[in-house]
Amino acid sequence: MKKNILTIFLAILFLIPAAIIVAENPIVQKALVNTIKCTGCGDCTKVCPTKAITLVNQKAVVDTDKCINCLICVKACNYTAISGSRELK
């Protein structure tokens, strides 16, 4: 009985800090542009709150340092040329 309680206690002791680290540092995929689908319409550049998207040679380019992963650009793109995810990898 004591061995089971000790095992459970140690498992909790080691798992909680790991869960906190993952929750505080989620790995997220920033917005990605499919240059084949991108028409250069500029809709994504108009809605980006941080101005992380610019048009270069009539194609959207995402500055990942400025991107806050809000994914507003994904919803604004009528050509489904931008994708992104907030899921943990």
PDB file of N, CA and C in Angstrom:
ATOM      1  N   MET A   1       0.822  -1.192   0.000  1.00  0.00           N
ATOM      2  CA  MET A   1       0.000   0.000   0.000  1.00  0.00           C
ATOM      3  C   MET A   1       0.867   1.257   0.000  1.00  0.00           C
ATOM      4  N   LYS A   2       1.881   1.302   0.870  1.00  0.00           N
ATOM      5  CA  LYS A   2       2.751   2.468   0.939  1.00  0.00           C
ATOM      6  C   LYS A   2       3.530   2.653  -0.360  1.00  0.00           C
ATOM      7  N   LYS A   3       3.900   1.541  -0.986  1.00  0.00           N
ATOM      8  CA  LYS A   3       4.649   1.612  -2.235  1.00  0.00           C
ATOM      9  C   LYS A   3       3.790   2.229  -3.336  1.00  0.00           C
ATOM     10  N   ASN A   4       2.509   1.893  -3.390  1.00  0.00           N
ATOM     11  CA  ASN A   4       1.602   2.460  -4.382  1.00  0.00           C
ATOM     12  C   ASN A   4       1.419   3.960  -4.176  1.00  0.00           C
ATOM     13  N   ILE A   5       1.263   4.376  -2.964  1.00  0.00           N
ATOM     14  CA  ILE A   5       1.101   5.800  -2.660  1.00  0.00           C
ATOM     15  C   ILE A   5       2.363   6.563  -3.028  1.00  0.00           C
ATOM     16  N   LEU A   6       3.511   6.009  -2.711  1.00  0.00           N
ATOM     17  CA  LEU A   6       4.779   6.640  -3.043  1.00  0.00           C
ATOM     18  C   LEU A   6       4.940   6.755  -4.561  1.00  0.00           C
ATOM     19  N   THR A   7       4.588   5.705  -5.291  1.00  0.00           N
ATOM     20  CA  THR A   7       4.681   5.722  -6.747  1.00  0.00           C
ATOM     21  C   THR A   7       3.778   6.801  -7.340  1.00  0.00           C
ATOM     22  N   ILE A   8       2.553   6.889  -6.848  1.00  0.00           N
ATOM     23  CA  ILE A   8       1.616   7.910  -7.329  1.00  0.00           C
ATOM     24  C   ILE A   8       2.144   9.304  -7.004  1.00  0.00           C
ATOM     25  N   PHE A   9       2.637   9.493  -5.789  1.00  0.00           N
ATOM     26  CA  PHE A   9       3.173  10.790  -5.392  1.00  0.00           C
ATOM     27  C   PHE A   9       4.341  11.212  -6.279  1.00  0.00           C
ATOM     28  N   LEU A  10       5.261  10.299  -6.546  1.00  0.00           N
ATOM     29  CA  LEU A  10       6.409  10.616  -7.394  1.00  0.00           C
ATOM     30  C   LEU A  10       5.979  10.908  -8.832  1.00  0.00           C
ATOM     31  N   ALA A  11       4.997  10.169  -9.328  1.00  0.00           N
ATOM     32  CA  ALA A  11       4.502  10.419 -10.684  1.00  0.00           C
ATOM     33  C   ALA A  11       3.913  11.819 -10.786  1.00  0.00           C
ATOM     34  N   ILE A  12       3.121  12.199  -9.804  1.00  0.00           N
ATOM     35  CA  ILE A  12       2.529  13.539  -9.796  1.00  0.00           C
ATOM     36  C   ILE A  12       3.619  14.600  -9.664  1.00  0.00           C
ATOM     37  N   LEU A  13       4.571  14.348  -8.811  1.00  0.00           N
ATOM     38  CA  LEU A  13       5.653  15.294  -8.578  1.00  0.00           C
ATOM     39  C   LEU A  13       6.441  15.596  -9.851  1.00  0.00           C
ATOM     40  N   PHE A  14       6.652  14.579 -10.690  1.00  0.00           N
ATOM     41  CA  PHE A  14       7.426  14.771 -11.913  1.00  0.00           C
ATOM     42  C   PHE A  14       6.574  15.194 -13.102  1.00  0.00           C
ATOM     43  N   LEU A  15       5.317  14.820 -13.147  1.00  0.00           N
ATOM     44  CA  LEU A  15       4.473  15.138 -14.297  1.00  0.00           C
ATOM     45  C   LEU A  15       3.935  16.565 -14.271  1.00  0.00           C
ATOM     46  N   ILE A  16       3.646  17.097 -13.106  1.00  0.00           N
ATOM     47  CA  ILE A  16       3.078  18.450 -13.033  1.00  0.00           C
ATOM     48  C   ILE A  16       4.035  19.492 -13.601  1.00  0.00           C
ATOM     49  N   PRO A  17       5.315  19.516 -13.218  1.00  0.00           N
ATOM     50  CA  PRO A  17       6.204  20.518 -13.821  1.00  0.00           C
ATOM     51  C   PRO A  17       6.310  20.383 -15.335  1.00  0.00           C
ATOM     52  N   ALA A  18       6.296  19.165 -15.852  1.00  0.00           N
ATOM     53  CA  ALA A  18       6.366  18.965 -17.299  1.00  0.00           C
ATOM     54  C   ALA A  18       5.119  19.514 -17.973  1.00  0.00           C
ATOM     55  N   ALA A  19       3.963  19.322 -17.365  1.00  0.00           N
ATOM     56  CA  ALA A  19       2.717  19.843 -17.932  1.00  0.00           C
ATOM     57  C   ALA A  19       2.708  21.359 -17.924  1.00  0.00           C
ATOM     58  N   ILE A  20       3.254  21.972 -16.894  1.00  0.00           N
ATOM     59  CA  ILE A  20       3.315  23.432 -16.815  1.00  0.00           C
ATOM     60  C   ILE A  20       4.243  23.979 -17.897  1.00  0.00           C
ATOM     61  N   ILE A  21       5.368  23.342 -18.109  1.00  0.00           N
ATOM     62  CA  ILE A  21       6.305  23.796 -19.139  1.00  0.00           C
ATOM     63  C   ILE A  21       5.653  23.738 -20.513  1.00  0.00           C
ATOM     64  N   VAL A  22       4.937  22.667 -20.821  1.00  0.00           N
ATOM     65  CA  VAL A  22       4.270  22.534 -22.112  1.00  0.00           C
ATOM     66  C   VAL A  22       3.186  23.588 -22.255  1.00  0.00           C
ATOM     67  N   ALA A  23       2.409  23.836 -21.201  1.00  0.00           N
ATOM     68  CA  ALA A  23       1.327  24.808 -21.267  1.00  0.00           C
ATOM     69  C   ALA A  23       1.860  26.224 -21.458  1.00  0.00           C
ATOM     70  N   GLU A  24       2.988  26.529 -20.864  1.00  0.00           N
ATOM     71  CA  GLU A  24       3.551  27.867 -20.984  1.00  0.00           C
ATOM     72  C   GLU A  24       4.302  28.074 -22.288  1.00  0.00           C
ATOM     73  N   ASN A  25       4.742  27.022 -22.941  1.00  0.00           N
ATOM     74  CA  ASN A  25       5.540  27.126 -24.154  1.00  0.00           C
ATOM     75  C   ASN A  25       4.978  26.262 -25.280  1.00  0.00           C
ATOM     76  N   PRO A  26       3.736  26.543 -25.694  1.00  0.00           N
ATOM     77  CA  PRO A  26       3.202  25.712 -26.765  1.00  0.00           C
ATOM     78  C   PRO A  26       3.949  25.949 -28.069  1.00  0.00           C
ATOM     79  N   ILE A  27       4.100  24.894 -28.840  1.00  0.00           N
ATOM     80  CA  ILE A  27       4.749  25.004 -30.135  1.00  0.00           C
ATOM     81  C   ILE A  27       3.646  25.236 -31.158  1.00  0.00           C
ATOM     82  N   VAL A  28       3.692  26.363 -31.838  1.00  0.00           N
ATOM     83  CA  VAL A  28       2.646  26.684 -32.798  1.00  0.00           C
ATOM     84  C   VAL A  28       3.244  26.908 -34.175  1.00  0.00           C
ATOM     85  N   GLN A  29       2.460  26.549 -35.142  1.00  0.00           N
ATOM     86  CA  GLN A  29       2.858  26.762 -36.527  1.00  0.00           C
ATOM     87  C   GLN A  29       2.384  28.144 -36.938  1.00  0.00           C
ATOM     88  N   LYS A  30       3.278  28.969 -37.428  1.00  0.00           N
ATOM     89  CA  LYS A  30       2.907  30.291 -37.908  1.00  0.00           C
ATOM     90  C   LYS A  30       2.206  30.152 -39.249  1.00  0.00           C
ATOM     91  N   ALA A  31       1.594  31.227 -39.703  1.00  0.00           N
ATOM     92  CA  ALA A  31       0.892  31.213 -40.984  1.00  0.00           C
ATOM     93  C   ALA A  31       1.859  30.852 -42.108  1.00  0.00           C
ATOM     94  N   LEU A  32       1.417  29.964 -42.984  1.00  0.00           N
ATOM     95  CA  LEU A  32       2.215  29.526 -44.119  1.00  0.00           C
ATOM     96  C   LEU A  32       1.480  29.871 -45.412  1.00  0.00           C
ATOM     97  N   VAL A  33       2.210  30.360 -46.403  1.00  0.00           N
ATOM     98  CA  VAL A  33       1.615  30.753 -47.667  1.00  0.00           C
ATOM     99  C   VAL A  33       1.933  29.708 -48.737  1.00  0.00           C
ATOM    100  N   ASN A  34       0.896  29.249 -49.415  1.00  0.00           N
ATOM    101  CA  ASN A  34       1.058  28.372 -50.570  1.00  0.00           C
ATOM    102  C   ASN A  34       1.185  29.301 -51.779  1.00  0.00           C
ATOM    103  N   THR A  35       2.391  29.469 -52.275  1.00  0.00           N
ATOM    104  CA  THR A  35       2.633  30.439 -53.347  1.00  0.00           C
ATOM    105  C   THR A  35       1.972  30.041 -54.662  1.00  0.00           C
ATOM    106  N   ILE A  36       1.615  28.793 -54.816  1.00  0.00           N
ATOM    107  CA  ILE A  36       0.910  28.371 -56.035  1.00  0.00           C
ATOM    108  C   ILE A  36      -0.526  28.888 -56.013  1.00  0.00           C
ATOM    109  N   LYS A  37      -1.163  28.842 -54.833  1.00  0.00           N
ATOM    110  CA  LYS A  37      -2.541  29.310 -54.707  1.00  0.00           C
ATOM    111  C   LYS A  37      -2.642  30.833 -54.553  1.00  0.00           C
ATOM    112  N   CYS A  38      -1.595  31.469 -54.047  1.00  0.00           N
ATOM    113  CA  CYS A  38      -1.631  32.908 -53.773  1.00  0.00           C
ATOM    114  C   CYS A  38      -1.746  33.693 -55.082  1.00  0.00           C
ATOM    115  N   THR A  39      -2.737  34.587 -55.125  1.00  0.00           N
ATOM    116  CA  THR A  39      -2.950  35.416 -56.321  1.00  0.00           C
ATOM    117  C   THR A  39      -2.381  36.817 -56.165  1.00  0.00           C
ATOM    118  N   GLY A  40      -1.920  37.134 -54.967  1.00  0.00           N
ATOM    119  CA  GLY A  40      -1.373  38.470 -54.731  1.00  0.00           C
ATOM    120  C   GLY A  40      -2.445  39.528 -54.565  1.00  0.00           C
ATOM    121  N   CYS A  41      -3.642  39.134 -54.164  1.00  0.00           N
ATOM    122  CA  CYS A  41      -4.756  40.081 -54.026  1.00  0.00           C
ATOM    123  C   CYS A  41      -4.534  41.089 -52.898  1.00  0.00           C
ATOM    124  N   GLY A  42      -3.781  40.697 -51.863  1.00  0.00           N
ATOM    125  CA  GLY A  42      -3.465  41.607 -50.762  1.00  0.00           C
ATOM    126  C   GLY A  42      -4.485  41.632 -49.643  1.00  0.00           C
ATOM    127  N   ASP A  43      -5.512  40.794 -49.701  1.00  0.00           N
ATOM    128  CA  ASP A  43      -6.514  40.765 -48.628  1.00  0.00           C
ATOM    129  C   ASP A  43      -5.875  40.453 -47.275  1.00  0.00           C
ATOM    130  N   CYS A  44      -4.914  39.553 -47.265  1.00  0.00           N
ATOM    131  CA  CYS A  44      -4.250  39.168 -46.015  1.00  0.00           C
ATOM    132  C   CYS A  44      -3.442  40.328 -45.431  1.00  0.00           C
ATOM    133  N   THR A  45      -2.827  41.116 -46.288  1.00  0.00           N
ATOM    134  CA  THR A  45      -2.020  42.240 -45.799  1.00  0.00           C
ATOM    135  C   THR A  45      -2.896  43.307 -45.157  1.00  0.00           C
ATOM    136  N   LYS A  46      -4.118  43.430 -45.625  1.00  0.00           N
ATOM    137  CA  LYS A  46      -5.044  44.444 -45.101  1.00  0.00           C
ATOM    138  C   LYS A  46      -5.541  44.103 -43.697  1.00  0.00           C
ATOM    139  N   VAL A  47      -5.666  42.815 -43.392  1.00  0.00           N
ATOM    140  CA  VAL A  47      -6.243  42.417 -42.104  1.00  0.00           C
ATOM    141  C   VAL A  47      -5.210  42.072 -41.040  1.00  0.00           C
ATOM    142  N   CYS A  48      -3.957  41.907 -41.411  1.00  0.00           N
ATOM    143  CA  CYS A  48      -2.924  41.506 -40.442  1.00  0.00           C
ATOM    144  C   CYS A  48      -2.691  42.624 -39.423  1.00  0.00           C
ATOM    145  N   PRO A  49      -2.965  42.357 -38.140  1.00  0.00           N
ATOM    146  CA  PRO A  49      -2.836  43.404 -37.121  1.00  0.00           C
ATOM    147  C   PRO A  49      -1.393  43.838 -36.846  1.00  0.00           C
ATOM    148  N   THR A  50      -0.426  42.993 -37.159  1.00  0.00           N
ATOM    149  CA  THR A  50       0.970  43.328 -36.890  1.00  0.00           C
ATOM    150  C   THR A  50       1.744  43.670 -38.155  1.00  0.00           C
ATOM    151  N   LYS A  51       1.047  43.706 -39.284  1.00  0.00           N
ATOM    152  CA  LYS A  51       1.681  43.989 -40.586  1.00  0.00           C
ATOM    153  C   LYS A  51       2.817  43.007 -40.872  1.00  0.00           C
ATOM    154  N   ALA A  52       2.570  41.748 -40.525  1.00  0.00           N
ATOM    155  CA  ALA A  52       3.575  40.704 -40.726  1.00  0.00           C
ATOM    156  C   ALA A  52       3.565  40.158 -42.148  1.00  0.00           C
ATOM    157  N   ILE A  53       2.541  40.514 -42.927  1.00  0.00           N
ATOM    158  CA  ILE A  53       2.429  39.985 -44.283  1.00  0.00           C
ATOM    159  C   ILE A  53       2.639  41.113 -45.286  1.00  0.00           C
ATOM    160  N   THR A  54       3.509  40.866 -46.229  1.00  0.00           N
ATOM    161  CA  THR A  54       3.749  41.807 -47.316  1.00  0.00           C
ATOM    162  C   THR A  54       3.664  41.057 -48.636  1.00  0.00           C
ATOM    163  N   LEU A  55       3.511  41.808 -49.716  1.00  0.00           N
ATOM    164  CA  LEU A  55       3.508  41.200 -51.047  1.00  0.00           C
ATOM    165  C   LEU A  55       4.878  41.387 -51.672  1.00  0.00           C
ATOM    166  N   VAL A  56       5.460  40.295 -52.121  1.00  0.00           N
ATOM    167  CA  VAL A  56       6.746  40.313 -52.807  1.00  0.00           C
ATOM    168  C   VAL A  56       6.556  39.549 -54.111  1.00  0.00           C
ATOM    169  N   ASN A  57       6.768  40.234 -55.219  1.00  0.00           N
ATOM    170  CA  ASN A  57       6.553  39.630 -56.545  1.00  0.00           C
ATOM    171  C   ASN A  57       5.140  39.051 -56.675  1.00  0.00           C
ATOM    172  N   GLN A  58       4.163  39.804 -56.198  1.00  0.00           N
ATOM    173  CA  GLN A  58       2.741  39.424 -56.266  1.00  0.00           C
ATOM    174  C   GLN A  58       2.402  38.151 -55.493  1.00  0.00           C
ATOM    175  N   LYS A  59       3.168  37.880 -54.441  1.00  0.00           N
ATOM    176  CA  LYS A  59       2.904  36.737 -53.558  1.00  0.00           C
ATOM    177  C   LYS A  59       3.018  37.192 -52.115  1.00  0.00           C
ATOM    178  N   ALA A  60       2.152  36.667 -51.246  1.00  0.00           N
ATOM    179  CA  ALA A  60       2.197  37.004 -49.826  1.00  0.00           C
ATOM    180  C   ALA A  60       3.404  36.342 -49.169  1.00  0.00           C
ATOM    181  N   VAL A  61       4.071  37.113 -48.320  1.00  0.00           N
ATOM    182  CA  VAL A  61       5.221  36.616 -47.554  1.00  0.00           C
ATOM    183  C   VAL A  61       4.984  36.966 -46.087  1.00  0.00           C
ATOM    184  N   VAL A  62       5.129  35.973 -45.204  1.00  0.00           N
ATOM    185  CA  VAL A  62       4.894  36.166 -43.776  1.00  0.00           C
ATOM    186  C   VAL A  62       6.219  36.349 -43.048  1.00  0.00           C
ATOM    187  N   ASP A  63       6.327  37.442 -42.305  1.00  0.00           N
ATOM    188  CA  ASP A  63       7.479  37.668 -41.428  1.00  0.00           C
ATOM    189  C   ASP A  63       7.173  36.953 -40.111  1.00  0.00           C
ATOM    190  N   THR A  64       7.784  35.805 -39.895  1.00  0.00           N
ATOM    191  CA  THR A  64       7.462  34.989 -38.724  1.00  0.00           C
ATOM    192  C   THR A  64       7.851  35.652 -37.404  1.00  0.00           C
ATOM    193  N   ASP A  65       8.756  36.619 -37.445  1.00  0.00           N
ATOM    194  CA  ASP A  65       9.106  37.339 -36.217  1.00  0.00           C
ATOM    195  C   ASP A  65       7.978  38.272 -35.790  1.00  0.00           C
ATOM    196  N   LYS A  66       7.237  38.806 -36.745  1.00  0.00           N
ATOM    197  CA  LYS A  66       6.128  39.711 -36.444  1.00  0.00           C
ATOM    198  C   LYS A  66       4.803  38.971 -36.252  1.00  0.00           C
ATOM    199  N   CYS A  67       4.682  37.780 -36.836  1.00  0.00           N
ATOM    200  CA  CYS A  67       3.427  37.020 -36.805  1.00  0.00           C
ATOM    201  C   CYS A  67       3.099  36.601 -35.375  1.00  0.00           C
ATOM    202  N   ILE A  68       1.871  36.902 -34.947  1.00  0.00           N
ATOM    203  CA  ILE A  68       1.433  36.525 -33.597  1.00  0.00           C
ATOM    204  C   ILE A  68       0.496  35.313 -33.634  1.00  0.00           C
ATOM    205  N   ASN A  69       0.376  34.691 -34.783  1.00  0.00           N
ATOM    206  CA  ASN A  69      -0.419  33.480 -34.962  1.00  0.00           C
ATOM    207  C   ASN A  69      -1.894  33.682 -34.633  1.00  0.00           C
ATOM    208  N   CYS A  70      -2.436  34.839 -34.990  1.00  0.00           N
ATOM    209  CA  CYS A  70      -3.856  35.099 -34.753  1.00  0.00           C
ATOM    210  C   CYS A  70      -4.732  34.407 -35.801  1.00  0.00           C
ATOM    211  N   LEU A  71      -4.153  34.086 -36.951  1.00  0.00           N
ATOM    212  CA  LEU A  71      -4.797  33.368 -38.041  1.00  0.00           C
ATOM    213  C   LEU A  71      -5.942  34.135 -38.706  1.00  0.00           C
ATOM    214  N   ILE A  72      -5.972  35.441 -38.522  1.00  0.00           N
ATOM    215  CA  ILE A  72      -6.966  36.264 -39.206  1.00  0.00           C
ATOM    216  C   ILE A  72      -6.734  36.195 -40.714  1.00  0.00           C
ATOM    217  N   CYS A  73      -5.492  36.115 -41.122  1.00  0.00           N
ATOM    218  CA  CYS A  73      -5.155  36.038 -42.544  1.00  0.00           C
ATOM    219  C   CYS A  73      -5.713  34.775 -43.191  1.00  0.00           C
ATOM    220  N   VAL A  74      -5.757  33.683 -42.434  1.00  0.00           N
ATOM    221  CA  VAL A  74      -6.281  32.422 -42.960  1.00  0.00           C
ATOM    222  C   VAL A  74      -7.755  32.590 -43.322  1.00  0.00           C
ATOM    223  N   LYS A  75      -8.496  33.261 -42.448  1.00  0.00           N
ATOM    224  CA  LYS A  75      -9.920  33.481 -42.698  1.00  0.00           C
ATOM    225  C   LYS A  75     -10.147  34.495 -43.814  1.00  0.00           C
ATOM    226  N   ALA A  76      -9.243  35.451 -43.963  1.00  0.00           N
ATOM    227  CA  ALA A  76      -9.405  36.501 -44.972  1.00  0.00           C
ATOM    228  C   ALA A  76      -9.075  36.033 -46.380  1.00  0.00           C
ATOM    229  N   CYS A  77      -8.287  34.982 -46.503  1.00  0.00           N
ATOM    230  CA  CYS A  77      -7.852  34.524 -47.824  1.00  0.00           C
ATOM    231  C   CYS A  77      -8.961  33.746 -48.525  1.00  0.00           C
ATOM    232  N   ASN A  78      -9.463  34.307 -49.615  1.00  0.00           N
ATOM    233  CA  ASN A  78     -10.528  33.657 -50.393  1.00  0.00           C
ATOM    234  C   ASN A  78     -10.011  32.524 -51.272  1.00  0.00           C
ATOM    235  N   TYR A  79      -8.715  32.386 -51.352  1.00  0.00           N
ATOM    236  CA  TYR A  79      -8.108  31.380 -52.237  1.00  0.00           C
ATOM    237  C   TYR A  79      -7.491  30.218 -51.452  1.00  0.00           C
ATOM    238  N   THR A  80      -7.716  30.171 -50.171  1.00  0.00           N
ATOM    239  CA  THR A  80      -7.140  29.164 -49.250  1.00  0.00           C
ATOM    240  C   THR A  80      -5.638  28.989 -49.465  1.00  0.00           C
ATOM    241  N   ALA A  81      -4.966  30.107 -49.690  1.00  0.00           N
ATOM    242  CA  ALA A  81      -3.519  30.074 -49.923  1.00  0.00           C
ATOM    243  C   ALA A  81      -2.725  30.168 -48.629  1.00  0.00           C
ATOM    244  N   ILE A  82      -3.394  30.516 -47.533  1.00  0.00           N
ATOM    245  CA  ILE A  82      -2.691  30.639 -46.252  1.00  0.00           C
ATOM    246  C   ILE A  82      -3.268  29.612 -45.287  1.00  0.00           C
ATOM    247  N   SER A  83      -2.372  28.919 -44.607  1.00  0.00           N
ATOM    248  CA  SER A  83      -2.803  27.937 -43.616  1.00  0.00           C
ATOM    249  C   SER A  83      -2.034  28.168 -42.334  1.00  0.00           C
ATOM    250  N   GLY A  84      -2.572  27.647 -41.258  1.00  0.00           N
ATOM    251  CA  GLY A  84      -1.913  27.766 -39.958  1.00  0.00           C
ATOM    252  C   GLY A  84      -2.640  26.928 -38.952  1.00  0.00           C
ATOM    253  N   SER A  85      -2.031  26.788 -37.781  1.00  0.00           N
ATOM    254  CA  SER A  85      -2.616  25.949 -36.757  1.00  0.00           C
ATOM    255  C   SER A  85      -2.182  26.430 -35.388  1.00  0.00           C
ATOM    256  N   ARG A  86      -3.046  26.307 -34.416  1.00  0.00           N
ATOM    257  CA  ARG A  86      -2.703  26.625 -33.035  1.00  0.00           C
ATOM    258  C   ARG A  86      -2.477  25.369 -32.222  1.00  0.00           C
ATOM    259  N   GLU A  87      -2.518  24.230 -32.855  1.00  0.00           N
ATOM    260  CA  GLU A  87      -2.376  22.959 -32.147  1.00  0.00           C
ATOM    261  C   GLU A  87      -0.936  22.719 -31.731  1.00  0.00           C
ATOM    262  N   LEU A  88      -0.766  21.993 -30.647  1.00  0.00           N
ATOM    263  CA  LEU A  88       0.570  21.591 -30.207  1.00  0.00           C
ATOM    264  C   LEU A  88       1.102  20.561 -31.174  1.00  0.00           C
ATOM    265  N   LYS A  89       2.384  20.613 -31.419  1.00  0.00           N
ATOM    266  CA  LYS A  89       3.032  19.657 -32.323  1.00  0.00           C
ATOM    267  C   LYS A  89       3.671  18.556 -31.528  1.00  0.00           C
TER     268      LYS A  89
END
